[in-house]
Amino acid sequence: MSKQSVMTHNKSAIVIGAGFGGLCTAIRLQSMGFQTTVVEALDKPGGRAYVREVDGYTFDMGPTVITVPHFIEEIFSLERGIDGLEAPDFPDSVRSPDSRITAGISGGPNTSRYCTIRPITPFYRIYFDDGTWFDYDGDRNNTRRQIEAINPDDLDGYEQFHSAAQAIFERGFLELGYTTFLTVPSMLKVLPDLLKLDAVRNLFRFSSKYFKSDKLRQVFSFETLLVGGNPMSVPAIYAMIHFVEKTWGVHYCMGGTGALVQSFVDKFNELGGTLRLSAPVDEILVTAADGGPAGRFTSRVARGVRLENGETLDSDLVVSNADYGTTMMKLLPSHVRPTAPDWVVKAKRYSMSLLVIYFGFTDDPEKPLELRHHNIILGPRYEALLNEIFNKKIIGKDFSQYLHIPTITDPSMAPAGHHAAYTLVPVPHNGSGIDWNEAGPALVDDVLTMLDEEGYIPGLADRITHRSYVTPDYFETTLRSHLGNGFGLEPVLTQSAWFRPHNRVSDVDGLYLVGANTQPGAGTPSVMMSAKMTARCVAEDFSEVVENARRMAVQKPTSQRKVS
């Protein structure tokens, strides 16, 4: 879209969806000088990070792993006219593992005004099927000790893996993380470097180069499952996750992820934004340009949204944090997007889905839990199980799971003397045709029985005081996610960089995307990066609005400026 030459005052923006991406984008737009309204279909903010409160328990329903806290600090540092778009994305103060101490990385001064973030150690305890475990953390010496106990021959391989992952992290995350690939040349420019780093082969094959032990191959490849990626098919550039966590740690927001969401809402409100809940969107309104140049690509312009109750909200731009498939096939009229007709959208590969069980149980003071805050419990099969979930789309005879017990860190999430927990089981999305009304209860029983009988939570059947769950049907109906996918588009090579939906929609001027489905991808840090990348696209297209907001901020008396 060409730079705007019309009046710059009172420009408005609408953001569809109050998930991480939507809220962070809305805060940025508000700081850039737009009057921003977020419209959310649910009765609470958060999207996938919705909170369920029942029987005295507080359950985060979605993301629970927080990394790269300086991204959060940056959001809380924004003010009207102080948008942070020109600041270094990765200042020297946060580039090394020492930054976790020197930069107070678990909650900078502005973050601490809104919420409390604490580091979690180990990052994950990974349980193998034989009952042994591996504590995955950022301590290189501790990692080496555990590798030696599993297979001493893999120590040299670990050092090589460490060096390779660091090189990918430095190039792929620190240098290219905020690159918006809007043209083919922009992607071809970096491809030689990625090939040289071996970052395009699949992650499991990449890790298998360095480790002979099956256990260690799993330890150093499982993390992509937490962003919807199959280790057997995601590119090895995702080895950077190891270094992202090693550099900045894994953290928890006291009160749960929902407390962080509410803090974003508080910040947005302070900046003068408007959040409307229980306001599902029926259609993104698109009209022909009202004279003048047709714009960079077309004469179609996003002019607002119509809610399901019939109400029309006008705006100068629209950002969708909704699911990509839903945005393109249900919210956006098909005649205005010739480069992405329904058959193209349907043909894309969508991530697996999830069965998530929320349960509360009584504590046993005589037998304290041996579990950690984050637990990965691997089943007897790894490659075969992933093939069944992602390719065959069937429920296997066994399962793996991510078990989250926040009360180990934060007792406030449950009544006194109780624990709150959720366990997440990867399952096929609804392209499988599975009847979850039948399959769901059976799988829930199998998972809880396994946790009890295999000693992870002994006596759980007698101690449980609450249990509920969601299946892919929840993702498809309540969260309006195409096929009930859990993480958006699957992060395979052919759906990465330029091949992934762009943050600026080429078919409609004034329409932008943000979140897990667009560049750079899924996971809370990537979604927050996406918000900044989308905001930069908006700033390019509405430069006079941004410049005017910056001028007004400079002219404001010092006594009226908020000190960061």
Protein backbone atom coordinates (compact mmCIF):
# COMPACT_ATOMS: atom_id res chain seq x y z
CA MET A 1 0.00 0.00 0.00
CA SER A 2 1.34 3.42 -0.88
CA LYS A 3 2.12 5.87 1.90
CA GLN A 4 -0.90 7.83 2.98
CA SER A 5 -1.11 11.48 1.95
CA VAL A 6 -4.48 12.17 3.58
CA MET A 7 -5.08 13.65 7.03
CA THR A 8 -3.24 11.76 9.73
CA HIS A 9 -5.44 12.55 12.72
CA ASN A 10 -7.98 10.14 14.15
CA LYS A 11 -6.82 7.15 12.13
CA SER A 12 -8.41 3.99 13.46
CA ALA A 13 -7.45 0.33 13.48
CA ILE A 14 -9.36 -2.85 14.23
CA VAL A 15 -7.63 -6.00 15.46
CA ILE A 16 -9.56 -9.26 15.21
CA GLY A 17 -8.75 -11.52 18.15
CA ALA A 18 -7.35 -10.87 21.63
CA GLY A 19 -4.70 -13.57 21.61
CA PHE A 20 -1.02 -12.84 22.22
CA GLY A 21 -0.55 -11.64 18.65
CA GLY A 22 -3.66 -9.49 18.63
CA LEU A 23 -3.02 -7.80 21.97
CA CYS A 24 0.67 -7.13 21.27
CA THR A 25 -0.19 -5.69 17.86
CA ALA A 26 -2.96 -3.56 19.35
CA ILE A 27 -0.58 -2.12 21.96
CA ARG A 28 1.91 -1.32 19.22
CA LEU A 29 -0.73 0.30 16.98
CA GLN A 30 -1.98 2.38 19.88
CA SER A 31 1.58 3.54 20.58
CA MET A 32 1.97 4.36 16.86
CA GLY A 33 -0.89 6.86 16.94
CA PHE A 34 -3.89 4.78 15.87
CA GLN A 35 -7.12 4.60 17.81
CA THR A 36 -7.31 0.84 18.12
CA THR A 37 -10.20 -1.48 18.87
CA VAL A 38 -9.76 -5.21 19.53
CA VAL A 39 -12.79 -7.39 18.84
CA GLU A 40 -12.75 -10.80 20.52
CA ALA A 41 -15.30 -13.58 19.98
CA LEU A 42 -14.88 -15.08 23.46
CA ASP A 43 -16.03 -13.60 26.78
CA LYS A 44 -12.42 -13.24 27.98
CA PRO A 45 -9.19 -12.17 26.27
CA GLY A 46 -6.41 -14.62 25.48
CA GLY A 47 -7.54 -16.67 22.51
CA ARG A 48 -5.66 -19.95 22.84
CA ALA A 49 -4.39 -18.52 26.16
CA TYR A 50 -7.92 -18.50 27.59
CA VAL A 51 -8.28 -19.21 31.33
CA ARG A 52 -10.69 -21.71 32.88
CA GLU A 53 -11.63 -21.10 36.53
CA VAL A 54 -13.59 -23.89 38.20
CA ASP A 55 -13.86 -25.54 41.63
CA GLY A 56 -11.27 -23.15 43.06
CA TYR A 57 -8.71 -24.05 40.36
CA THR A 58 -7.23 -21.74 37.73
CA PHE A 59 -6.25 -23.52 34.53
CA ASP A 60 -4.32 -21.90 31.70
CA MET A 61 -5.95 -23.55 28.70
CA GLY A 62 -3.16 -22.88 26.24
CA PRO A 63 0.48 -21.73 26.21
CA THR A 64 2.39 -22.09 29.47
CA VAL A 65 6.04 -21.77 28.38
CA ILE A 66 7.41 -18.22 28.38
CA THR A 67 10.74 -17.49 26.75
CA VAL A 68 12.58 -14.32 25.62
CA PRO A 69 11.24 -12.08 28.42
CA HIS A 70 12.83 -8.97 26.91
CA PHE A 71 10.13 -9.15 24.20
CA ILE A 72 7.60 -8.72 27.01
CA GLU A 73 9.62 -5.90 28.55
CA GLU A 74 9.58 -4.11 25.21
CA ILE A 75 5.77 -4.27 25.02
CA PHE A 76 5.39 -2.83 28.52
CA SER A 77 7.87 -0.05 27.66
CA LEU A 78 5.76 1.36 24.81
CA GLU A 79 3.95 4.67 25.17
CA ARG A 80 1.92 6.88 22.85
CA GLY A 81 4.44 8.07 20.26
CA ILE A 82 7.15 5.81 21.66
CA ASP A 83 6.59 2.73 19.49
CA GLY A 84 9.97 0.98 19.74
CA LEU A 85 9.97 0.13 16.01
CA GLU A 86 13.36 1.72 15.40
CA ALA A 87 15.11 0.34 18.48
CA PRO A 88 17.51 -2.63 18.11
CA ASP A 89 15.59 -5.88 18.13
CA PHE A 90 18.32 -7.63 20.11
CA PRO A 91 20.38 -5.09 22.06
CA ASP A 92 23.80 -6.18 23.26
CA SER A 93 22.44 -6.34 26.81
CA VAL A 94 20.28 -9.39 25.97
CA ARG A 95 22.45 -11.31 23.52
CA SER A 96 24.33 -13.64 25.86
CA PRO A 97 23.39 -16.20 28.53
CA ASP A 98 24.78 -13.75 31.11
CA SER A 99 21.88 -11.44 30.23
CA ARG A 100 19.60 -13.58 32.36
CA ILE A 101 21.43 -12.10 35.33
CA THR A 102 22.81 -8.78 34.11
CA ALA A 103 19.59 -7.60 32.45
CA GLY A 104 17.22 -8.90 35.11
CA ILE A 105 15.75 -10.93 32.32
CA SER A 106 12.96 -12.54 34.37
CA GLY A 107 11.14 -9.26 34.55
CA GLY A 108 12.53 -5.88 33.59
CA PRO A 109 11.45 -2.68 35.36
CA ASN A 110 8.42 -2.04 33.14
CA THR A 111 7.26 -5.65 33.15
CA SER A 112 7.42 -5.66 36.93
CA ARG A 113 4.88 -2.84 37.06
CA TYR A 114 2.30 -5.20 35.59
CA CYS A 115 3.20 -8.78 36.52
CA THR A 116 5.82 -11.03 38.11
CA ILE A 117 7.84 -13.41 35.93
CA ARG A 118 10.07 -16.08 37.43
CA PRO A 119 12.60 -18.46 35.86
CA ILE A 120 11.85 -22.19 35.86
CA THR A 121 14.62 -24.77 36.35
CA PRO A 122 14.89 -27.28 34.85
CA PHE A 123 13.18 -26.04 31.72
CA TYR A 124 11.65 -29.50 31.30
CA ARG A 125 12.06 -32.89 32.90
CA ILE A 126 11.91 -35.38 30.05
CA TYR A 127 10.78 -38.87 31.05
CA PHE A 128 11.64 -41.84 28.88
CA ASP A 129 9.53 -44.96 28.63
CA ASP A 130 11.98 -46.96 30.75
CA GLY A 131 11.39 -44.65 33.75
CA THR A 132 14.64 -42.68 33.49
CA TRP A 133 14.65 -38.93 32.89
CA PHE A 134 16.71 -36.06 31.55
CA ASP A 135 16.59 -32.59 33.13
CA TYR A 136 16.74 -30.19 30.22
CA ASP A 137 18.16 -26.83 31.30
CA GLY A 138 20.66 -24.19 30.25
CA ASP A 139 23.55 -25.57 32.31
CA ARG A 140 26.09 -26.91 29.86
CA ASN A 141 28.03 -28.86 32.49
CA ASN A 142 24.87 -30.48 33.85
CA THR A 143 23.84 -31.36 30.30
CA ARG A 144 27.19 -33.01 29.67
CA ARG A 145 26.94 -35.03 32.89
CA GLN A 146 23.57 -36.39 31.88
CA ILE A 147 24.69 -37.16 28.33
CA GLU A 148 27.68 -39.06 29.68
CA ALA A 149 25.38 -41.14 31.87
CA ILE A 150 23.26 -42.06 28.84
CA ASN A 151 26.01 -42.55 26.25
CA PRO A 152 29.58 -41.23 26.75
CA ASP A 153 30.20 -41.55 23.01
CA ASP A 154 27.70 -38.74 22.41
CA LEU A 155 29.66 -36.09 24.33
CA ASP A 156 31.64 -35.05 21.25
CA GLY A 157 28.42 -35.07 19.25
CA TYR A 158 26.82 -32.74 21.77
CA GLU A 159 29.64 -30.23 21.41
CA GLN A 160 29.21 -30.33 17.63
CA PHE A 161 25.43 -30.00 17.95
CA HIS A 162 25.90 -27.11 20.38
CA SER A 163 28.12 -25.25 17.92
CA ALA A 164 25.79 -25.93 14.98
CA ALA A 165 22.69 -24.83 16.91
CA GLN A 166 24.48 -21.69 18.07
CA ALA A 167 25.38 -20.77 14.48
CA ILE A 168 21.76 -21.29 13.38
CA PHE A 169 20.53 -19.23 16.35
CA GLU A 170 22.87 -16.34 15.60
CA ARG A 171 22.02 -16.23 11.90
CA GLY A 172 18.42 -17.43 11.92
CA PHE A 173 17.16 -15.71 15.08
CA LEU A 174 19.38 -12.80 16.04
CA GLU A 175 20.07 -11.64 12.47
CA LEU A 176 17.04 -12.83 10.46
CA GLY A 177 14.37 -13.30 13.11
CA TYR A 178 12.56 -10.06 12.28
CA THR A 179 12.99 -10.33 8.51
CA THR A 180 9.66 -9.97 6.72
CA PHE A 181 9.93 -12.11 3.59
CA LEU A 182 7.56 -10.28 1.25
CA THR A 183 9.43 -11.06 -1.99
CA VAL A 184 11.15 -14.10 -3.47
CA PRO A 185 14.52 -12.27 -3.70
CA SER A 186 14.36 -11.53 0.03
CA MET A 187 14.25 -15.28 0.66
CA LEU A 188 16.79 -16.28 -1.99
CA LYS A 189 19.23 -13.80 -0.46
CA VAL A 190 19.48 -15.81 2.77
CA LEU A 191 19.03 -19.32 1.36
CA PRO A 192 22.78 -19.95 0.76
CA ASP A 193 23.52 -19.24 4.42
CA LEU A 194 20.78 -21.62 5.59
CA LEU A 195 22.06 -24.33 3.25
CA LYS A 196 25.59 -23.81 4.54
CA LEU A 197 24.32 -24.19 8.12
CA ASP A 198 22.44 -27.37 7.13
CA ALA A 199 19.32 -25.65 8.48
CA VAL A 200 16.94 -26.95 5.82
CA ARG A 201 17.18 -30.70 6.42
CA ASN A 202 14.59 -32.00 8.88
CA LEU A 203 15.34 -31.48 12.55
CA PHE A 204 15.34 -35.15 13.56
CA ARG A 205 17.86 -36.04 10.84
CA PHE A 206 19.90 -33.01 11.89
CA SER A 207 20.04 -34.13 15.53
CA SER A 208 20.68 -37.73 14.48
CA LYS A 209 23.92 -36.57 12.83
CA TYR A 210 25.30 -35.74 16.26
CA PHE A 211 23.73 -38.29 18.62
CA LYS A 212 23.78 -42.07 18.48
CA SER A 213 21.43 -42.50 21.44
CA ASP A 214 17.72 -42.53 20.58
CA LYS A 215 17.03 -40.84 23.90
CA LEU A 216 19.28 -37.91 23.08
CA ARG A 217 17.89 -37.62 19.56
CA GLN A 218 14.49 -37.16 21.19
CA VAL A 219 15.75 -34.70 23.82
CA PHE A 220 17.21 -32.43 21.16
CA SER A 221 14.28 -32.53 18.75
CA PHE A 222 11.02 -32.72 20.76
CA GLU A 223 10.57 -28.96 21.30
CA THR A 224 9.01 -28.27 17.91
CA LEU A 225 5.99 -30.28 19.05
CA LEU A 226 5.26 -27.36 21.40
CA VAL A 227 4.82 -25.10 18.35
CA GLY A 228 2.90 -27.61 16.22
CA GLY A 229 5.83 -28.99 14.24
CA ASN A 230 6.73 -32.61 13.52
CA PRO A 231 10.47 -33.10 14.26
CA MET A 232 10.51 -35.45 11.28
CA SER A 233 9.54 -32.69 8.85
CA VAL A 234 10.32 -29.23 10.30
CA PRO A 235 13.55 -27.68 8.99
CA ALA A 236 16.58 -27.83 11.25
CA ILE A 237 16.50 -24.05 11.63
CA TYR A 238 14.27 -24.90 14.61
CA ALA A 239 17.39 -26.18 16.38
CA MET A 240 17.61 -22.51 17.35
CA ILE A 241 14.95 -23.20 20.01
CA HIS A 242 17.66 -24.95 22.04
CA PHE A 243 19.71 -21.75 22.06
CA VAL A 244 16.75 -19.43 22.53
CA GLU A 245 15.96 -21.24 25.77
CA LYS A 246 19.60 -21.62 26.75
CA THR A 247 20.20 -17.89 26.26
CA TRP A 248 17.10 -16.46 27.95
CA GLY A 249 15.71 -19.35 29.95
CA VAL A 250 12.16 -20.64 30.43
CA HIS A 251 9.89 -18.58 32.65
CA TYR A 252 6.49 -18.51 34.33
CA CYS A 253 4.16 -15.60 35.04
CA MET A 254 2.84 -15.77 38.59
CA GLY A 255 -0.90 -16.23 38.39
CA GLY A 256 -0.46 -18.12 35.12
CA THR A 257 -0.24 -17.10 31.50
CA GLY A 258 -3.69 -15.58 31.93
CA ALA A 259 -2.16 -13.05 34.31
CA LEU A 260 0.23 -11.99 31.55
CA VAL A 261 -2.69 -11.68 29.13
CA GLN A 262 -4.54 -9.47 31.62
CA SER A 263 -1.40 -7.36 32.02
CA PHE A 264 -1.36 -6.79 28.26
CA VAL A 265 -5.02 -5.77 28.45
CA ASP A 266 -4.20 -3.33 31.28
CA LYS A 267 -1.39 -1.81 29.21
CA PHE A 268 -3.66 -1.51 26.17
CA ASN A 269 -6.35 0.20 28.25
CA GLU A 270 -3.83 2.62 29.73
CA LEU A 271 -2.82 3.66 26.22
CA GLY A 272 -6.46 4.42 25.40
CA GLY A 273 -7.36 1.33 23.40
CA THR A 274 -10.75 -0.37 23.37
CA LEU A 275 -11.34 -4.08 23.95
CA ARG A 276 -14.71 -5.55 23.01
CA LEU A 277 -15.44 -9.07 24.23
CA SER A 278 -18.17 -11.44 23.02
CA ALA A 279 -17.92 -9.66 19.67
CA PRO A 280 -17.36 -12.32 16.97
CA VAL A 281 -16.64 -11.02 13.47
CA ASP A 282 -18.85 -12.11 10.59
CA GLU A 283 -16.94 -10.44 7.75
CA ILE A 284 -14.02 -8.18 6.99
CA LEU A 285 -15.45 -5.29 4.97
CA VAL A 286 -13.64 -4.54 1.72
CA THR A 287 -14.43 -1.72 -0.71
CA ALA A 288 -12.95 -0.20 -3.85
CA ALA A 289 -10.43 2.60 -3.35
CA ASP A 290 -12.08 6.03 -3.16
CA GLY A 291 -10.06 7.72 -5.86
CA GLY A 292 -6.37 8.37 -6.25
CA PRO A 293 -3.72 5.72 -6.91
CA ALA A 294 -4.97 2.16 -6.73
CA GLY A 295 -2.39 1.22 -4.13
CA ARG A 296 0.61 -1.06 -4.30
CA PHE A 297 -1.28 -4.14 -5.48
CA THR A 298 -5.01 -3.60 -5.99
CA SER A 299 -7.87 -1.16 -5.62
CA ARG A 300 -9.44 -3.24 -2.84
CA VAL A 301 -9.22 -1.70 0.61
CA ALA A 302 -10.16 -3.05 4.06
CA ARG A 303 -12.60 -0.62 5.64
CA GLY A 304 -13.64 -2.35 8.86
CA VAL A 305 -15.61 -5.37 10.04
CA ARG A 306 -19.18 -6.47 10.46
CA LEU A 307 -19.92 -8.33 13.69
CA GLU A 308 -22.20 -11.34 13.85
CA ASN A 309 -24.84 -9.18 15.57
CA GLY A 310 -24.98 -7.03 12.44
CA GLU A 311 -23.05 -4.07 13.85
CA THR A 312 -20.56 -2.43 11.49
CA LEU A 313 -17.26 -1.01 12.74
CA ASP A 314 -15.39 1.25 10.33
CA SER A 315 -11.61 1.62 10.39
CA ASP A 316 -8.63 2.63 8.28
CA LEU A 317 -6.96 -0.75 8.61
CA VAL A 318 -7.72 -4.26 9.87
CA VAL A 319 -5.34 -6.76 11.43
CA SER A 320 -6.50 -10.37 11.76
CA ASN A 321 -5.14 -12.48 14.59
CA ALA A 322 -7.75 -15.10 13.75
CA ASP A 323 -6.82 -18.49 12.31
CA TYR A 324 -5.50 -18.19 8.75
CA GLY A 325 -7.95 -20.67 7.22
CA THR A 326 -10.86 -18.98 8.98
CA THR A 327 -9.71 -15.49 7.98
CA MET A 328 -9.33 -16.35 4.31
CA MET A 329 -12.29 -18.68 3.80
CA LYS A 330 -14.90 -17.28 6.21
CA LEU A 331 -14.10 -13.67 7.13
CA LEU A 332 -12.74 -12.37 3.83
CA PRO A 333 -15.03 -12.45 0.76
CA SER A 334 -13.52 -14.83 -1.80
CA HIS A 335 -13.79 -12.39 -4.72
CA VAL A 336 -11.23 -10.03 -3.16
CA ARG A 337 -8.37 -12.51 -2.82
CA PRO A 338 -7.54 -13.97 -6.24
CA THR A 339 -4.12 -15.27 -5.14
CA ALA A 340 -5.57 -17.36 -2.29
CA PRO A 341 -8.85 -18.99 -3.36
CA ASP A 342 -10.40 -21.57 -1.03
CA TRP A 343 -8.75 -24.54 -2.73
CA VAL A 344 -5.30 -23.00 -2.14
CA VAL A 345 -6.07 -22.35 1.53
CA LYS A 346 -7.43 -25.87 2.03
CA ALA A 347 -4.40 -27.41 0.33
CA LYS A 348 -2.00 -26.02 2.92
CA ARG A 349 -0.70 -28.28 5.67
CA TYR A 350 -2.14 -27.52 9.09
CA SER A 351 -0.58 -28.48 12.41
CA MET A 352 -1.76 -31.36 14.51
CA SER A 353 -4.33 -30.76 17.21
CA LEU A 354 -4.47 -31.52 20.91
CA LEU A 355 -6.40 -33.32 23.58
CA VAL A 356 -5.85 -31.32 26.76
CA ILE A 357 -6.97 -32.60 30.17
CA TYR A 358 -7.38 -30.14 33.04
CA PHE A 359 -7.42 -31.75 36.45
CA GLY A 360 -7.03 -30.93 40.11
CA PHE A 361 -5.98 -33.30 42.84
CA THR A 362 -5.12 -33.31 46.52
CA ASP A 363 -1.54 -33.05 47.66
CA ASP A 364 0.04 -35.88 49.65
CA PRO A 365 2.46 -34.38 52.21
CA GLU A 366 3.91 -37.81 52.92
CA LYS A 367 4.71 -38.43 49.26
CA PRO A 368 5.68 -35.13 47.60
CA LEU A 369 5.51 -35.06 43.82
CA GLU A 370 8.73 -35.97 42.07
CA LEU A 371 7.52 -34.14 38.97
CA ARG A 372 8.70 -30.72 37.86
CA HIS A 373 6.81 -27.64 36.66
CA HIS A 374 7.16 -28.73 33.00
CA ASN A 375 7.29 -32.46 32.23
CA ILE A 376 7.61 -34.24 28.90
CA ILE A 377 6.52 -37.88 29.19
CA LEU A 378 7.55 -39.81 26.10
CA GLY A 379 5.84 -43.01 25.07
CA PRO A 380 7.56 -46.20 23.89
CA ARG A 381 7.53 -45.03 20.27
CA TYR A 382 8.76 -41.73 18.84
CA GLU A 383 9.06 -41.76 15.05
CA ALA A 384 6.17 -44.16 14.52
CA LEU A 385 3.86 -42.21 16.83
CA LEU A 386 4.65 -38.92 15.07
CA ASN A 387 3.92 -40.55 11.72
CA GLU A 388 0.52 -41.67 12.98
CA ILE A 389 -0.37 -38.20 14.29
CA PHE A 390 0.83 -36.07 11.38
CA ASN A 391 0.57 -38.36 8.35
CA LYS A 392 -1.76 -41.30 8.98
CA LYS A 393 -3.97 -39.14 11.21
CA ILE A 394 -4.98 -41.92 13.53
CA ILE A 395 -4.96 -42.41 17.31
CA GLY A 396 -2.10 -44.74 18.12
CA LYS A 397 -1.93 -47.52 20.69
CA ASP A 398 0.23 -45.31 22.92
CA PHE A 399 0.86 -41.59 23.42
CA SER A 400 3.29 -38.96 24.61
CA GLN A 401 2.30 -35.94 26.65
CA TYR A 402 3.36 -32.60 28.13
CA LEU A 403 2.34 -32.44 31.79
CA HIS A 404 2.20 -28.96 33.32
CA ILE A 405 1.89 -28.53 37.10
CA PRO A 406 2.06 -24.79 37.85
CA THR A 407 1.28 -25.24 41.55
CA ILE A 408 4.81 -26.54 42.03
CA THR A 409 5.83 -22.90 41.47
CA ASP A 410 2.59 -21.05 42.21
CA PRO A 411 0.25 -22.55 44.86
CA SER A 412 -2.30 -19.80 44.18
CA MET A 413 -3.51 -21.71 41.12
CA ALA A 414 -5.36 -24.24 43.32
CA PRO A 415 -7.15 -24.45 46.67
CA ALA A 416 -4.87 -24.96 49.67
CA GLY A 417 -3.56 -28.50 49.82
CA HIS A 418 -4.27 -29.17 46.13
CA HIS A 419 -2.46 -29.15 42.80
CA ALA A 420 -3.70 -27.82 39.47
CA ALA A 421 -2.43 -29.56 36.36
CA TYR A 422 -3.01 -30.00 32.69
CA THR A 423 -1.65 -32.63 30.39
CA LEU A 424 -1.47 -32.09 26.66
CA VAL A 425 -1.54 -35.01 24.24
CA PRO A 426 -0.77 -34.40 20.53
CA VAL A 427 -3.47 -35.88 18.31
CA PRO A 428 -4.49 -35.56 14.63
CA HIS A 429 -6.52 -32.54 13.57
CA ASN A 430 -10.10 -32.93 12.40
CA GLY A 431 -9.08 -33.77 8.87
CA SER A 432 -8.81 -37.25 10.38
CA GLY A 433 -12.58 -37.75 10.65
CA ILE A 434 -12.19 -39.03 14.22
CA ASP A 435 -15.38 -38.84 16.31
CA TRP A 436 -14.08 -37.13 19.43
CA ASN A 437 -17.34 -37.65 21.31
CA GLU A 438 -16.39 -41.30 21.32
CA ALA A 439 -12.59 -41.21 21.19
CA GLY A 440 -12.11 -38.32 23.62
CA PRO A 441 -13.43 -39.88 26.87
CA ALA A 442 -11.55 -43.14 26.20
CA LEU A 443 -8.24 -41.35 25.64
CA VAL A 444 -8.75 -39.17 28.73
CA ASP A 445 -9.27 -42.31 30.84
CA ASP A 446 -6.16 -43.94 29.37
CA VAL A 447 -3.97 -40.89 30.05
CA LEU A 448 -5.08 -40.37 33.65
CA THR A 449 -4.83 -44.08 34.38
CA MET A 450 -1.31 -44.14 32.99
CA LEU A 451 -0.24 -41.21 35.22
CA ASP A 452 -1.60 -43.07 38.23
CA GLU A 453 -0.49 -46.64 37.55
CA GLU A 454 2.98 -45.77 36.26
CA GLY A 455 3.69 -43.72 39.38
CA TYR A 456 3.84 -40.18 38.03
CA ILE A 457 0.96 -39.19 40.34
CA PRO A 458 0.39 -42.24 42.58
CA GLY A 459 -3.19 -42.72 43.70
CA LEU A 460 -4.50 -40.09 41.28
CA ALA A 461 -7.81 -41.90 40.86
CA ASP A 462 -8.57 -41.41 44.55
CA ARG A 463 -7.07 -37.93 44.81
CA ILE A 464 -8.63 -36.24 41.79
CA THR A 465 -11.19 -33.54 42.60
CA HIS A 466 -11.77 -32.00 39.19
CA ARG A 467 -11.35 -33.14 35.62
CA SER A 468 -12.37 -31.63 32.30
CA TYR A 469 -10.89 -31.70 28.84
CA VAL A 470 -10.96 -30.30 25.33
CA THR A 471 -10.51 -32.09 22.00
CA PRO A 472 -9.87 -30.84 18.45
CA ASP A 473 -13.59 -30.00 18.35
CA TYR A 474 -12.92 -27.18 20.85
CA PHE A 475 -10.24 -25.75 18.59
CA GLU A 476 -12.53 -25.94 15.56
CA THR A 477 -15.73 -24.59 17.11
CA THR A 478 -14.83 -22.39 20.08
CA LEU A 479 -11.49 -21.11 18.77
CA ARG A 480 -12.64 -21.16 15.13
CA SER A 481 -9.51 -22.93 13.96
CA HIS A 482 -9.63 -24.61 10.53
CA LEU A 483 -9.81 -28.40 10.98
CA GLY A 484 -9.35 -27.86 14.70
CA ASN A 485 -5.60 -27.34 14.26
CA GLY A 486 -3.77 -26.45 17.45
CA PHE A 487 -0.98 -24.18 16.17
CA GLY A 488 -1.91 -22.86 12.73
CA LEU A 489 -0.01 -23.80 9.58
CA GLU A 490 2.49 -26.62 10.06
CA PRO A 491 6.04 -25.18 10.07
CA VAL A 492 7.44 -27.26 7.21
CA LEU A 493 10.03 -25.81 4.81
CA THR A 494 7.43 -25.15 2.09
CA GLN A 495 5.40 -23.09 4.57
CA SER A 496 8.26 -21.05 6.03
CA ALA A 497 9.74 -17.62 5.23
CA TRP A 498 8.30 -16.29 1.92
CA PHE A 499 6.12 -19.41 1.59
CA ARG A 500 4.31 -18.61 4.86
CA PRO A 501 1.36 -16.17 4.74
CA HIS A 502 2.69 -12.63 4.66
CA ASN A 503 2.05 -10.11 7.42
CA ARG A 504 0.69 -7.70 4.79
CA VAL A 505 -2.10 -9.19 2.64
CA SER A 506 -1.24 -8.50 -1.00
CA ASP A 507 -4.81 -8.69 -2.31
CA VAL A 508 -6.34 -6.10 0.00
CA ASP A 509 -4.76 -2.78 0.97
CA GLY A 510 -5.03 -2.02 4.67
CA LEU A 511 -5.38 -5.69 5.66
CA TYR A 512 -2.69 -7.40 7.74
CA LEU A 513 -2.16 -10.74 9.46
CA VAL A 514 -0.48 -11.48 12.78
CA GLY A 515 0.07 -14.54 14.92
CA ALA A 516 1.12 -18.16 14.63
CA ASN A 517 -0.07 -18.58 11.04
CA THR A 518 2.00 -15.79 9.56
CA GLN A 519 5.71 -14.95 9.59
CA PRO A 520 7.79 -15.91 11.49
CA GLY A 521 5.62 -18.72 12.97
CA ALA A 522 4.12 -20.28 16.10
CA GLY A 523 5.19 -20.13 19.74
CA THR A 524 4.78 -17.16 22.06
CA PRO A 525 8.11 -15.46 21.20
CA SER A 526 7.50 -15.85 17.45
CA VAL A 527 3.96 -14.51 17.81
CA MET A 528 5.30 -11.45 19.65
CA MET A 529 7.88 -11.03 16.88
CA SER A 530 5.05 -11.29 14.37
CA ALA A 531 3.28 -8.40 16.10
CA LYS A 532 6.32 -6.18 15.64
CA MET A 533 6.79 -7.25 12.03
CA THR A 534 3.14 -6.50 11.25
CA ALA A 535 3.40 -3.15 13.03
CA ARG A 536 6.38 -2.29 10.84
CA CYS A 537 4.35 -3.08 7.72
CA VAL A 538 1.63 -0.74 8.99
CA ALA A 539 4.22 1.94 9.78
CA GLU A 540 5.51 1.77 6.20
CA ASP A 541 2.00 2.17 4.81
CA PHE A 542 0.86 4.88 7.26
CA SER A 543 4.16 6.64 7.89
CA GLU A 544 2.60 10.06 8.46
CA VAL A 545 0.42 8.72 11.27
CA VAL A 546 3.47 7.29 13.03
CA GLU A 547 5.61 10.36 12.47
CA ASN A 548 2.86 12.62 13.77
CA ALA A 549 2.52 10.53 16.95
CA ARG A 550 6.27 10.71 17.48
CA ARG A 551 6.28 14.49 17.03
CA MET A 552 3.47 14.89 19.55
CA ALA A 553 5.33 12.71 22.05
CA VAL A 554 8.44 14.88 21.73
CA GLN A 555 6.39 18.07 22.18
CA LYS A 556 4.67 16.75 25.32
CA PRO A 557 6.00 18.45 28.47
CA THR A 558 8.55 16.35 30.32
CA SER A 559 6.33 16.30 33.40
CA GLN A 560 3.62 14.50 31.39
CA ARG A 561 5.86 11.80 29.98
CA LYS A 562 5.84 8.45 31.69
CA VAL A 563 9.30 7.35 32.75
CA SER A 564 10.25 3.85 31.56
